Amino acid sequence: LARDLWTCPKDDIKVDKELESDDLQWLVDQLTGSLTQSTHPNLKQAGCLWLLAITKHCTEQDVVRSKLLEIQSAFMTLLGDGNDLVQDAASKGIGIVYESSSSEQREQLVQNLLDTLVGGRKEVAKVNQDTKVFAEGELGKNP
């Protein structure tokens, strides 16, 4: 909800919590789904940074707490990205997810992380004609 910060005091704004929860649910679903798994590097980077911000600032929300396993899975997928910023944000996100989870959730998160690291389970990235496999200038000119 937009408001004019100069003329409208914060106390005058009434936010519908149910609507806010639905919007947050939609945003988390988009971020853990299509945006962080996009083949376009800018969308993936933006999705990762938004997911990090949501995870950092909204962990007290029930919507985010219920999706911690999916959020961790999205961050783990992003750890293998070629972009250093995405990797750094994903590693910080995994730490925030762990710190904000309950003891029961922590056991499940650790088990999921160990299964991925030890078992080598990794989601396969989708590739299409717009996917950049190598960054500009990364390959030499000679075959």
N, C-alpha and C. Protein backbone atom coordinates (compact mmCIF):
# COMPACT_ATOMS: atom_id res chain seq x y z
N LEU A 1 0.84 -1.17 0.00
CA LEU A 1 0.00 0.00 0.00
C LEU A 1 0.88 1.23 0.00
N ALA A 2 0.62 2.12 -0.91
CA ALA A 2 1.40 3.33 -1.01
C ALA A 2 0.78 4.43 -0.17
N ARG A 3 1.64 5.25 0.39
CA ARG A 3 1.16 6.40 1.14
C ARG A 3 2.16 7.52 0.98
N ASP A 4 1.70 8.73 1.15
CA ASP A 4 2.57 9.88 1.10
C ASP A 4 3.19 10.05 2.48
N LEU A 5 4.48 9.78 2.59
CA LEU A 5 5.16 9.81 3.87
C LEU A 5 5.15 11.19 4.52
N TRP A 6 4.99 12.23 3.71
CA TRP A 6 5.04 13.60 4.24
C TRP A 6 3.72 14.06 4.82
N THR A 7 2.62 13.53 4.31
CA THR A 7 1.32 14.03 4.75
C THR A 7 0.46 13.02 5.49
N CYS A 8 0.76 11.75 5.39
CA CYS A 8 -0.08 10.71 5.99
C CYS A 8 0.71 9.97 7.07
N PRO A 9 0.33 10.15 8.34
CA PRO A 9 1.03 9.43 9.42
C PRO A 9 0.82 7.93 9.33
N LYS A 10 1.77 7.19 9.84
CA LYS A 10 1.72 5.74 9.79
C LYS A 10 0.50 5.18 10.53
N ASP A 11 0.06 5.85 11.59
CA ASP A 11 -1.07 5.39 12.39
C ASP A 11 -2.39 5.47 11.63
N ASP A 12 -2.46 6.32 10.59
CA ASP A 12 -3.70 6.47 9.83
C ASP A 12 -3.90 5.36 8.80
N ILE A 13 -2.88 4.56 8.54
CA ILE A 13 -2.96 3.50 7.54
C ILE A 13 -3.50 2.24 8.19
N LYS A 14 -4.52 1.68 7.61
CA LYS A 14 -5.09 0.42 8.09
C LYS A 14 -4.82 -0.64 7.02
N VAL A 15 -4.07 -1.66 7.41
CA VAL A 15 -3.69 -2.71 6.48
C VAL A 15 -4.49 -3.96 6.79
N ASP A 16 -5.08 -4.54 5.76
CA ASP A 16 -5.82 -5.79 5.90
C ASP A 16 -4.80 -6.92 5.98
N LYS A 17 -4.67 -7.54 7.15
CA LYS A 17 -3.66 -8.58 7.38
C LYS A 17 -3.86 -9.79 6.47
N GLU A 18 -5.11 -10.14 6.19
CA GLU A 18 -5.37 -11.28 5.32
C GLU A 18 -4.89 -10.99 3.89
N LEU A 19 -5.16 -9.79 3.42
CA LEU A 19 -4.70 -9.39 2.09
C LEU A 19 -3.18 -9.35 2.04
N GLU A 20 -2.58 -8.81 3.09
CA GLU A 20 -1.12 -8.73 3.16
C GLU A 20 -0.51 -10.14 3.15
N SER A 21 -1.12 -11.07 3.86
CA SER A 21 -0.64 -12.45 3.91
C SER A 21 -0.76 -13.12 2.53
N ASP A 22 -1.85 -12.88 1.84
CA ASP A 22 -2.03 -13.44 0.50
C ASP A 22 -0.98 -12.90 -0.47
N ASP A 23 -0.71 -11.61 -0.38
CA ASP A 23 0.31 -11.01 -1.25
C ASP A 23 1.69 -11.58 -0.96
N LEU A 24 2.01 -11.74 0.32
CA LEU A 24 3.30 -12.30 0.70
C LEU A 24 3.41 -13.75 0.26
N GLN A 25 2.32 -14.50 0.37
CA GLN A 25 2.30 -15.89 -0.09
C GLN A 25 2.58 -15.96 -1.59
N TRP A 26 1.93 -15.09 -2.35
CA TRP A 26 2.14 -15.05 -3.80
C TRP A 26 3.60 -14.71 -4.12
N LEU A 27 4.15 -13.72 -3.42
CA LEU A 27 5.52 -13.29 -3.67
C LEU A 27 6.52 -14.39 -3.36
N VAL A 28 6.36 -15.06 -2.23
CA VAL A 28 7.27 -16.15 -1.87
C VAL A 28 7.16 -17.29 -2.89
N ASP A 29 5.95 -17.60 -3.32
CA ASP A 29 5.77 -18.64 -4.34
C ASP A 29 6.48 -18.27 -5.64
N GLN A 30 6.36 -17.03 -6.06
CA GLN A 30 7.03 -16.58 -7.28
C GLN A 30 8.55 -16.64 -7.13
N LEU A 31 9.03 -16.20 -5.98
CA LEU A 31 10.48 -16.17 -5.77
C LEU A 31 11.08 -17.56 -5.67
N THR A 32 10.43 -18.46 -4.96
CA THR A 32 10.98 -19.82 -4.84
C THR A 32 10.73 -20.64 -6.10
N GLY A 33 9.83 -20.19 -6.92
CA GLY A 33 9.51 -20.92 -8.15
C GLY A 33 10.24 -20.37 -9.35
N SER A 34 9.53 -19.62 -10.14
CA SER A 34 10.04 -19.22 -11.45
C SER A 34 11.18 -18.21 -11.42
N LEU A 35 11.19 -17.29 -10.49
CA LEU A 35 12.19 -16.23 -10.55
C LEU A 35 13.60 -16.70 -10.19
N THR A 36 13.74 -17.51 -9.16
CA THR A 36 15.08 -17.98 -8.80
C THR A 36 15.55 -19.13 -9.68
N GLN A 37 14.66 -19.70 -10.47
CA GLN A 37 15.04 -20.77 -11.37
C GLN A 37 15.05 -20.31 -12.82
N SER A 38 14.99 -19.02 -13.03
CA SER A 38 14.96 -18.46 -14.38
C SER A 38 16.29 -18.72 -15.09
N THR A 39 16.22 -18.82 -16.41
CA THR A 39 17.45 -18.95 -17.20
C THR A 39 18.06 -17.60 -17.49
N HIS A 40 17.32 -16.53 -17.26
CA HIS A 40 17.84 -15.18 -17.48
C HIS A 40 18.62 -14.75 -16.24
N PRO A 41 19.91 -14.41 -16.39
CA PRO A 41 20.74 -14.12 -15.21
C PRO A 41 20.26 -12.92 -14.39
N ASN A 42 19.71 -11.91 -15.02
CA ASN A 42 19.25 -10.74 -14.27
C ASN A 42 18.00 -11.06 -13.44
N LEU A 43 17.09 -11.85 -13.99
CA LEU A 43 15.91 -12.27 -13.23
C LEU A 43 16.31 -13.14 -12.05
N LYS A 44 17.25 -14.04 -12.29
CA LYS A 44 17.71 -14.93 -11.22
C LYS A 44 18.37 -14.12 -10.10
N GLN A 45 19.19 -13.15 -10.47
CA GLN A 45 19.86 -12.31 -9.46
C GLN A 45 18.84 -11.48 -8.68
N ALA A 46 17.90 -10.87 -9.37
CA ALA A 46 16.86 -10.08 -8.70
C ALA A 46 16.01 -10.96 -7.79
N GLY A 47 15.64 -12.13 -8.27
CA GLY A 47 14.85 -13.05 -7.46
C GLY A 47 15.58 -13.48 -6.21
N CYS A 48 16.87 -13.73 -6.34
CA CYS A 48 17.68 -14.13 -5.19
C CYS A 48 17.76 -13.02 -4.15
N LEU A 49 17.98 -11.80 -4.61
CA LEU A 49 18.09 -10.67 -3.67
C LEU A 49 16.76 -10.36 -3.00
N TRP A 50 15.67 -10.47 -3.75
CA TRP A 50 14.34 -10.27 -3.15
C TRP A 50 14.04 -11.37 -2.14
N LEU A 51 14.39 -12.60 -2.47
CA LEU A 51 14.16 -13.70 -1.54
C LEU A 51 14.99 -13.52 -0.27
N LEU A 52 16.21 -13.03 -0.41
CA LEU A 52 17.05 -12.75 0.76
C LEU A 52 16.41 -11.67 1.62
N ALA A 53 15.91 -10.61 0.99
CA ALA A 53 15.28 -9.52 1.76
C ALA A 53 14.02 -9.99 2.47
N ILE A 54 13.19 -10.77 1.79
CA ILE A 54 11.97 -11.30 2.40
C ILE A 54 12.33 -12.21 3.57
N THR A 55 13.33 -13.07 3.36
CA THR A 55 13.74 -13.99 4.41
C THR A 55 14.30 -13.24 5.61
N LYS A 56 15.05 -12.20 5.35
CA LYS A 56 15.68 -11.45 6.45
C LYS A 56 14.67 -10.64 7.25
N HIS A 57 13.71 -10.02 6.57
CA HIS A 57 12.82 -9.07 7.24
C HIS A 57 11.43 -9.60 7.55
N CYS A 58 11.07 -10.76 7.06
CA CYS A 58 9.70 -11.26 7.26
C CYS A 58 9.66 -12.64 7.90
N THR A 59 10.68 -13.03 8.62
CA THR A 59 10.69 -14.38 9.21
C THR A 59 9.67 -14.55 10.33
N GLU A 60 9.14 -13.46 10.85
CA GLU A 60 8.11 -13.59 11.89
C GLU A 60 6.73 -13.84 11.28
N GLN A 61 6.60 -13.69 9.98
CA GLN A 61 5.33 -13.95 9.30
C GLN A 61 5.11 -15.46 9.14
N ASP A 62 3.89 -15.90 9.39
CA ASP A 62 3.56 -17.33 9.28
C ASP A 62 3.77 -17.86 7.87
N VAL A 63 3.51 -17.03 6.89
CA VAL A 63 3.68 -17.45 5.49
C VAL A 63 5.13 -17.82 5.22
N VAL A 64 6.04 -17.01 5.69
CA VAL A 64 7.47 -17.27 5.46
C VAL A 64 7.92 -18.46 6.30
N ARG A 65 7.47 -18.53 7.55
CA ARG A 65 7.84 -19.65 8.43
C ARG A 65 7.39 -21.00 7.84
N SER A 66 6.24 -21.02 7.21
CA SER A 66 5.74 -22.27 6.65
C SER A 66 6.48 -22.68 5.38
N LYS A 67 7.18 -21.76 4.77
CA LYS A 67 7.87 -22.03 3.50
C LYS A 67 9.39 -22.12 3.65
N LEU A 68 9.90 -22.24 4.88
CA LEU A 68 11.34 -22.21 5.10
C LEU A 68 12.08 -23.31 4.34
N LEU A 69 11.51 -24.50 4.25
CA LEU A 69 12.16 -25.59 3.53
C LEU A 69 12.26 -25.28 2.03
N GLU A 70 11.20 -24.72 1.47
CA GLU A 70 11.22 -24.34 0.05
C GLU A 70 12.19 -23.19 -0.20
N ILE A 71 12.26 -22.26 0.75
CA ILE A 71 13.19 -21.13 0.63
C ILE A 71 14.62 -21.64 0.67
N GLN A 72 14.91 -22.56 1.61
CA GLN A 72 16.25 -23.13 1.68
C GLN A 72 16.60 -23.87 0.38
N SER A 73 15.66 -24.60 -0.15
CA SER A 73 15.88 -25.33 -1.40
C SER A 73 16.21 -24.37 -2.55
N ALA A 74 15.49 -23.25 -2.60
CA ALA A 74 15.76 -22.24 -3.64
C ALA A 74 17.16 -21.67 -3.46
N PHE A 75 17.54 -21.35 -2.23
CA PHE A 75 18.88 -20.82 -1.97
C PHE A 75 19.96 -21.84 -2.31
N MET A 76 19.72 -23.12 -2.01
CA MET A 76 20.71 -24.15 -2.31
C MET A 76 20.91 -24.29 -3.82
N THR A 77 19.84 -24.16 -4.57
CA THR A 77 19.94 -24.20 -6.02
C THR A 77 20.77 -23.02 -6.53
N LEU A 78 20.61 -21.87 -5.88
CA LEU A 78 21.33 -20.67 -6.31
C LEU A 78 22.80 -20.68 -5.92
N LEU A 79 23.20 -21.55 -4.99
CA LEU A 79 24.61 -21.63 -4.61
C LEU A 79 25.51 -22.03 -5.78
N GLY A 80 24.98 -22.77 -6.71
CA GLY A 80 25.76 -23.22 -7.85
C GLY A 80 25.77 -22.25 -9.01
N ASP A 81 25.21 -21.07 -8.85
CA ASP A 81 25.17 -20.08 -9.93
C ASP A 81 26.56 -19.52 -10.17
N GLY A 82 26.81 -19.06 -11.38
CA GLY A 82 28.12 -18.51 -11.72
C GLY A 82 28.34 -17.08 -11.23
N ASN A 83 27.29 -16.42 -10.81
CA ASN A 83 27.37 -15.04 -10.36
C ASN A 83 27.76 -15.01 -8.88
N ASP A 84 28.85 -14.29 -8.55
CA ASP A 84 29.32 -14.22 -7.17
C ASP A 84 28.31 -13.57 -6.24
N LEU A 85 27.60 -12.55 -6.72
CA LEU A 85 26.60 -11.88 -5.89
C LEU A 85 25.47 -12.84 -5.53
N VAL A 86 25.03 -13.63 -6.49
CA VAL A 86 23.97 -14.60 -6.25
C VAL A 86 24.44 -15.66 -5.26
N GLN A 87 25.65 -16.15 -5.42
CA GLN A 87 26.19 -17.15 -4.51
C GLN A 87 26.29 -16.61 -3.08
N ASP A 88 26.78 -15.38 -2.94
CA ASP A 88 26.92 -14.77 -1.62
C ASP A 88 25.56 -14.56 -0.96
N ALA A 89 24.60 -14.05 -1.72
CA ALA A 89 23.26 -13.84 -1.18
C ALA A 89 22.61 -15.17 -0.81
N ALA A 90 22.81 -16.20 -1.61
CA ALA A 90 22.24 -17.51 -1.32
C ALA A 90 22.83 -18.10 -0.05
N SER A 91 24.14 -17.95 0.14
CA SER A 91 24.76 -18.50 1.35
C SER A 91 24.27 -17.75 2.59
N LYS A 92 24.11 -16.44 2.49
CA LYS A 92 23.57 -15.67 3.61
C LYS A 92 22.12 -16.07 3.88
N GLY A 93 21.37 -16.31 2.82
CA GLY A 93 19.98 -16.71 2.97
C GLY A 93 19.83 -18.04 3.68
N ILE A 94 20.71 -18.99 3.38
CA ILE A 94 20.66 -20.28 4.05
C ILE A 94 20.92 -20.11 5.54
N GLY A 95 21.86 -19.24 5.90
CA GLY A 95 22.14 -18.96 7.31
C GLY A 95 20.96 -18.33 8.02
N ILE A 96 20.30 -17.40 7.35
CA ILE A 96 19.13 -16.73 7.95
C ILE A 96 17.98 -17.71 8.12
N VAL A 97 17.78 -18.57 7.13
CA VAL A 97 16.72 -19.59 7.23
C VAL A 97 16.98 -20.49 8.43
N TYR A 98 18.22 -20.91 8.60
CA TYR A 98 18.55 -21.80 9.73
C TYR A 98 18.33 -21.09 11.06
N GLU A 99 18.80 -19.86 11.18
CA GLU A 99 18.68 -19.12 12.44
C GLU A 99 17.23 -18.84 12.82
N SER A 100 16.38 -18.66 11.84
CA SER A 100 15.00 -18.27 12.13
C SER A 100 14.06 -19.47 12.26
N SER A 101 14.57 -20.67 12.13
CA SER A 101 13.71 -21.85 12.19
C SER A 101 13.67 -22.43 13.60
N SER A 102 12.64 -23.22 13.85
CA SER A 102 12.49 -23.90 15.14
C SER A 102 13.43 -25.11 15.17
N SER A 103 13.54 -25.74 16.33
CA SER A 103 14.46 -26.88 16.45
C SER A 103 14.02 -28.06 15.56
N GLU A 104 12.71 -28.28 15.44
CA GLU A 104 12.22 -29.35 14.56
C GLU A 104 12.54 -29.03 13.11
N GLN A 105 12.33 -27.77 12.74
CA GLN A 105 12.62 -27.36 11.36
C GLN A 105 14.11 -27.43 11.09
N ARG A 106 14.93 -27.10 12.09
CA ARG A 106 16.38 -27.14 11.89
C ARG A 106 16.86 -28.54 11.55
N GLU A 107 16.31 -29.54 12.23
CA GLU A 107 16.69 -30.91 11.93
C GLU A 107 16.37 -31.25 10.48
N GLN A 108 15.20 -30.85 10.03
CA GLN A 108 14.79 -31.13 8.66
C GLN A 108 15.65 -30.34 7.66
N LEU A 109 15.97 -29.08 7.98
CA LEU A 109 16.80 -28.28 7.10
C LEU A 109 18.22 -28.85 6.98
N VAL A 110 18.78 -29.27 8.12
CA VAL A 110 20.12 -29.86 8.10
C VAL A 110 20.12 -31.16 7.32
N GLN A 111 19.10 -31.98 7.52
CA GLN A 111 19.02 -33.24 6.78
C GLN A 111 18.91 -32.99 5.28
N ASN A 112 18.12 -32.01 4.89
CA ASN A 112 17.98 -31.65 3.49
C ASN A 112 19.31 -31.17 2.91
N LEU A 113 20.02 -30.35 3.67
CA LEU A 113 21.32 -29.84 3.23
C LEU A 113 22.33 -30.98 3.10
N LEU A 114 22.37 -31.86 4.09
CA LEU A 114 23.30 -32.98 4.03
C LEU A 114 22.99 -33.92 2.88
N ASP A 115 21.71 -34.20 2.65
CA ASP A 115 21.34 -35.05 1.53
C ASP A 115 21.81 -34.47 0.20
N THR A 116 21.70 -33.17 0.09
CA THR A 116 22.12 -32.51 -1.15
C THR A 116 23.64 -32.53 -1.30
N LEU A 117 24.35 -32.24 -0.21
CA LEU A 117 25.81 -32.18 -0.28
C LEU A 117 26.44 -33.56 -0.43
N VAL A 118 26.00 -34.51 0.36
CA VAL A 118 26.58 -35.84 0.34
C VAL A 118 26.07 -36.66 -0.84
N GLY A 119 24.77 -36.61 -1.05
CA GLY A 119 24.18 -37.42 -2.10
C GLY A 119 24.34 -36.83 -3.49
N GLY A 120 24.68 -35.57 -3.55
CA GLY A 120 24.86 -34.92 -4.84
C GLY A 120 23.55 -34.66 -5.57
N ARG A 121 22.43 -34.70 -4.84
CA ARG A 121 21.16 -34.40 -5.48
C ARG A 121 21.11 -32.92 -5.81
N LYS A 122 20.83 -32.64 -7.03
CA LYS A 122 20.72 -31.25 -7.46
C LYS A 122 19.65 -31.16 -8.52
N GLU A 123 18.85 -30.12 -8.42
CA GLU A 123 17.84 -29.93 -9.44
C GLU A 123 18.52 -29.52 -10.74
N VAL A 124 18.04 -30.06 -11.83
CA VAL A 124 18.62 -29.77 -13.13
C VAL A 124 18.08 -28.43 -13.61
N ALA A 125 19.00 -27.56 -14.03
CA ALA A 125 18.60 -26.25 -14.54
C ALA A 125 18.05 -26.42 -15.94
N LYS A 126 16.98 -25.71 -16.23
CA LYS A 126 16.38 -25.77 -17.56
C LYS A 126 17.16 -24.85 -18.49
N VAL A 127 17.40 -25.34 -19.68
CA VAL A 127 18.16 -24.59 -20.68
C VAL A 127 17.29 -24.40 -21.90
N ASN A 128 17.29 -23.16 -22.42
CA ASN A 128 16.59 -22.89 -23.67
C ASN A 128 17.49 -22.04 -24.54
N GLN A 129 16.97 -21.53 -25.64
CA GLN A 129 17.80 -20.80 -26.58
C GLN A 129 18.33 -19.47 -26.02
N ASP A 130 17.70 -18.92 -24.99
CA ASP A 130 18.15 -17.66 -24.40
C ASP A 130 19.14 -17.86 -23.26
N THR A 131 19.39 -19.09 -22.87
CA THR A 131 20.28 -19.37 -21.75
C THR A 131 21.72 -19.07 -22.14
N LYS A 132 22.40 -18.32 -21.28
CA LYS A 132 23.81 -18.04 -21.49
C LYS A 132 24.61 -19.08 -20.72
N VAL A 133 25.30 -19.94 -21.45
CA VAL A 133 26.09 -20.97 -20.81
C VAL A 133 27.42 -20.39 -20.34
N PHE A 134 28.01 -19.53 -21.17
CA PHE A 134 29.26 -18.86 -20.82
C PHE A 134 29.06 -17.36 -20.90
N ALA A 135 29.68 -16.64 -19.99
CA ALA A 135 29.60 -15.18 -19.98
C ALA A 135 30.39 -14.61 -21.15
N GLU A 136 30.07 -13.39 -21.51
CA GLU A 136 30.73 -12.70 -22.62
C GLU A 136 32.24 -12.63 -22.37
N GLY A 137 33.02 -13.08 -23.33
CA GLY A 137 34.49 -13.03 -23.24
C GLY A 137 35.10 -14.14 -22.40
N GLU A 138 34.29 -15.07 -21.94
CA GLU A 138 34.78 -16.15 -21.09
C GLU A 138 35.51 -17.21 -21.91
N LEU A 139 35.08 -17.41 -23.13
CA LEU A 139 35.71 -18.38 -24.01
C LEU A 139 36.72 -17.67 -24.92
N GLY A 140 37.78 -18.35 -25.24
CA GLY A 140 38.78 -17.78 -26.14
C GLY A 140 38.28 -17.73 -27.57
N LYS A 141 39.00 -17.02 -28.43
CA LYS A 141 38.59 -16.90 -29.82
C LYS A 141 39.03 -18.10 -30.64
N ASN A 142 40.08 -18.79 -30.24
CA ASN A 142 40.56 -19.95 -30.96
C ASN A 142 39.83 -21.19 -30.48
N PRO A 143 39.49 -22.09 -31.42
CA PRO A 143 38.78 -23.31 -31.01
C PRO A 143 39.67 -24.26 -30.25
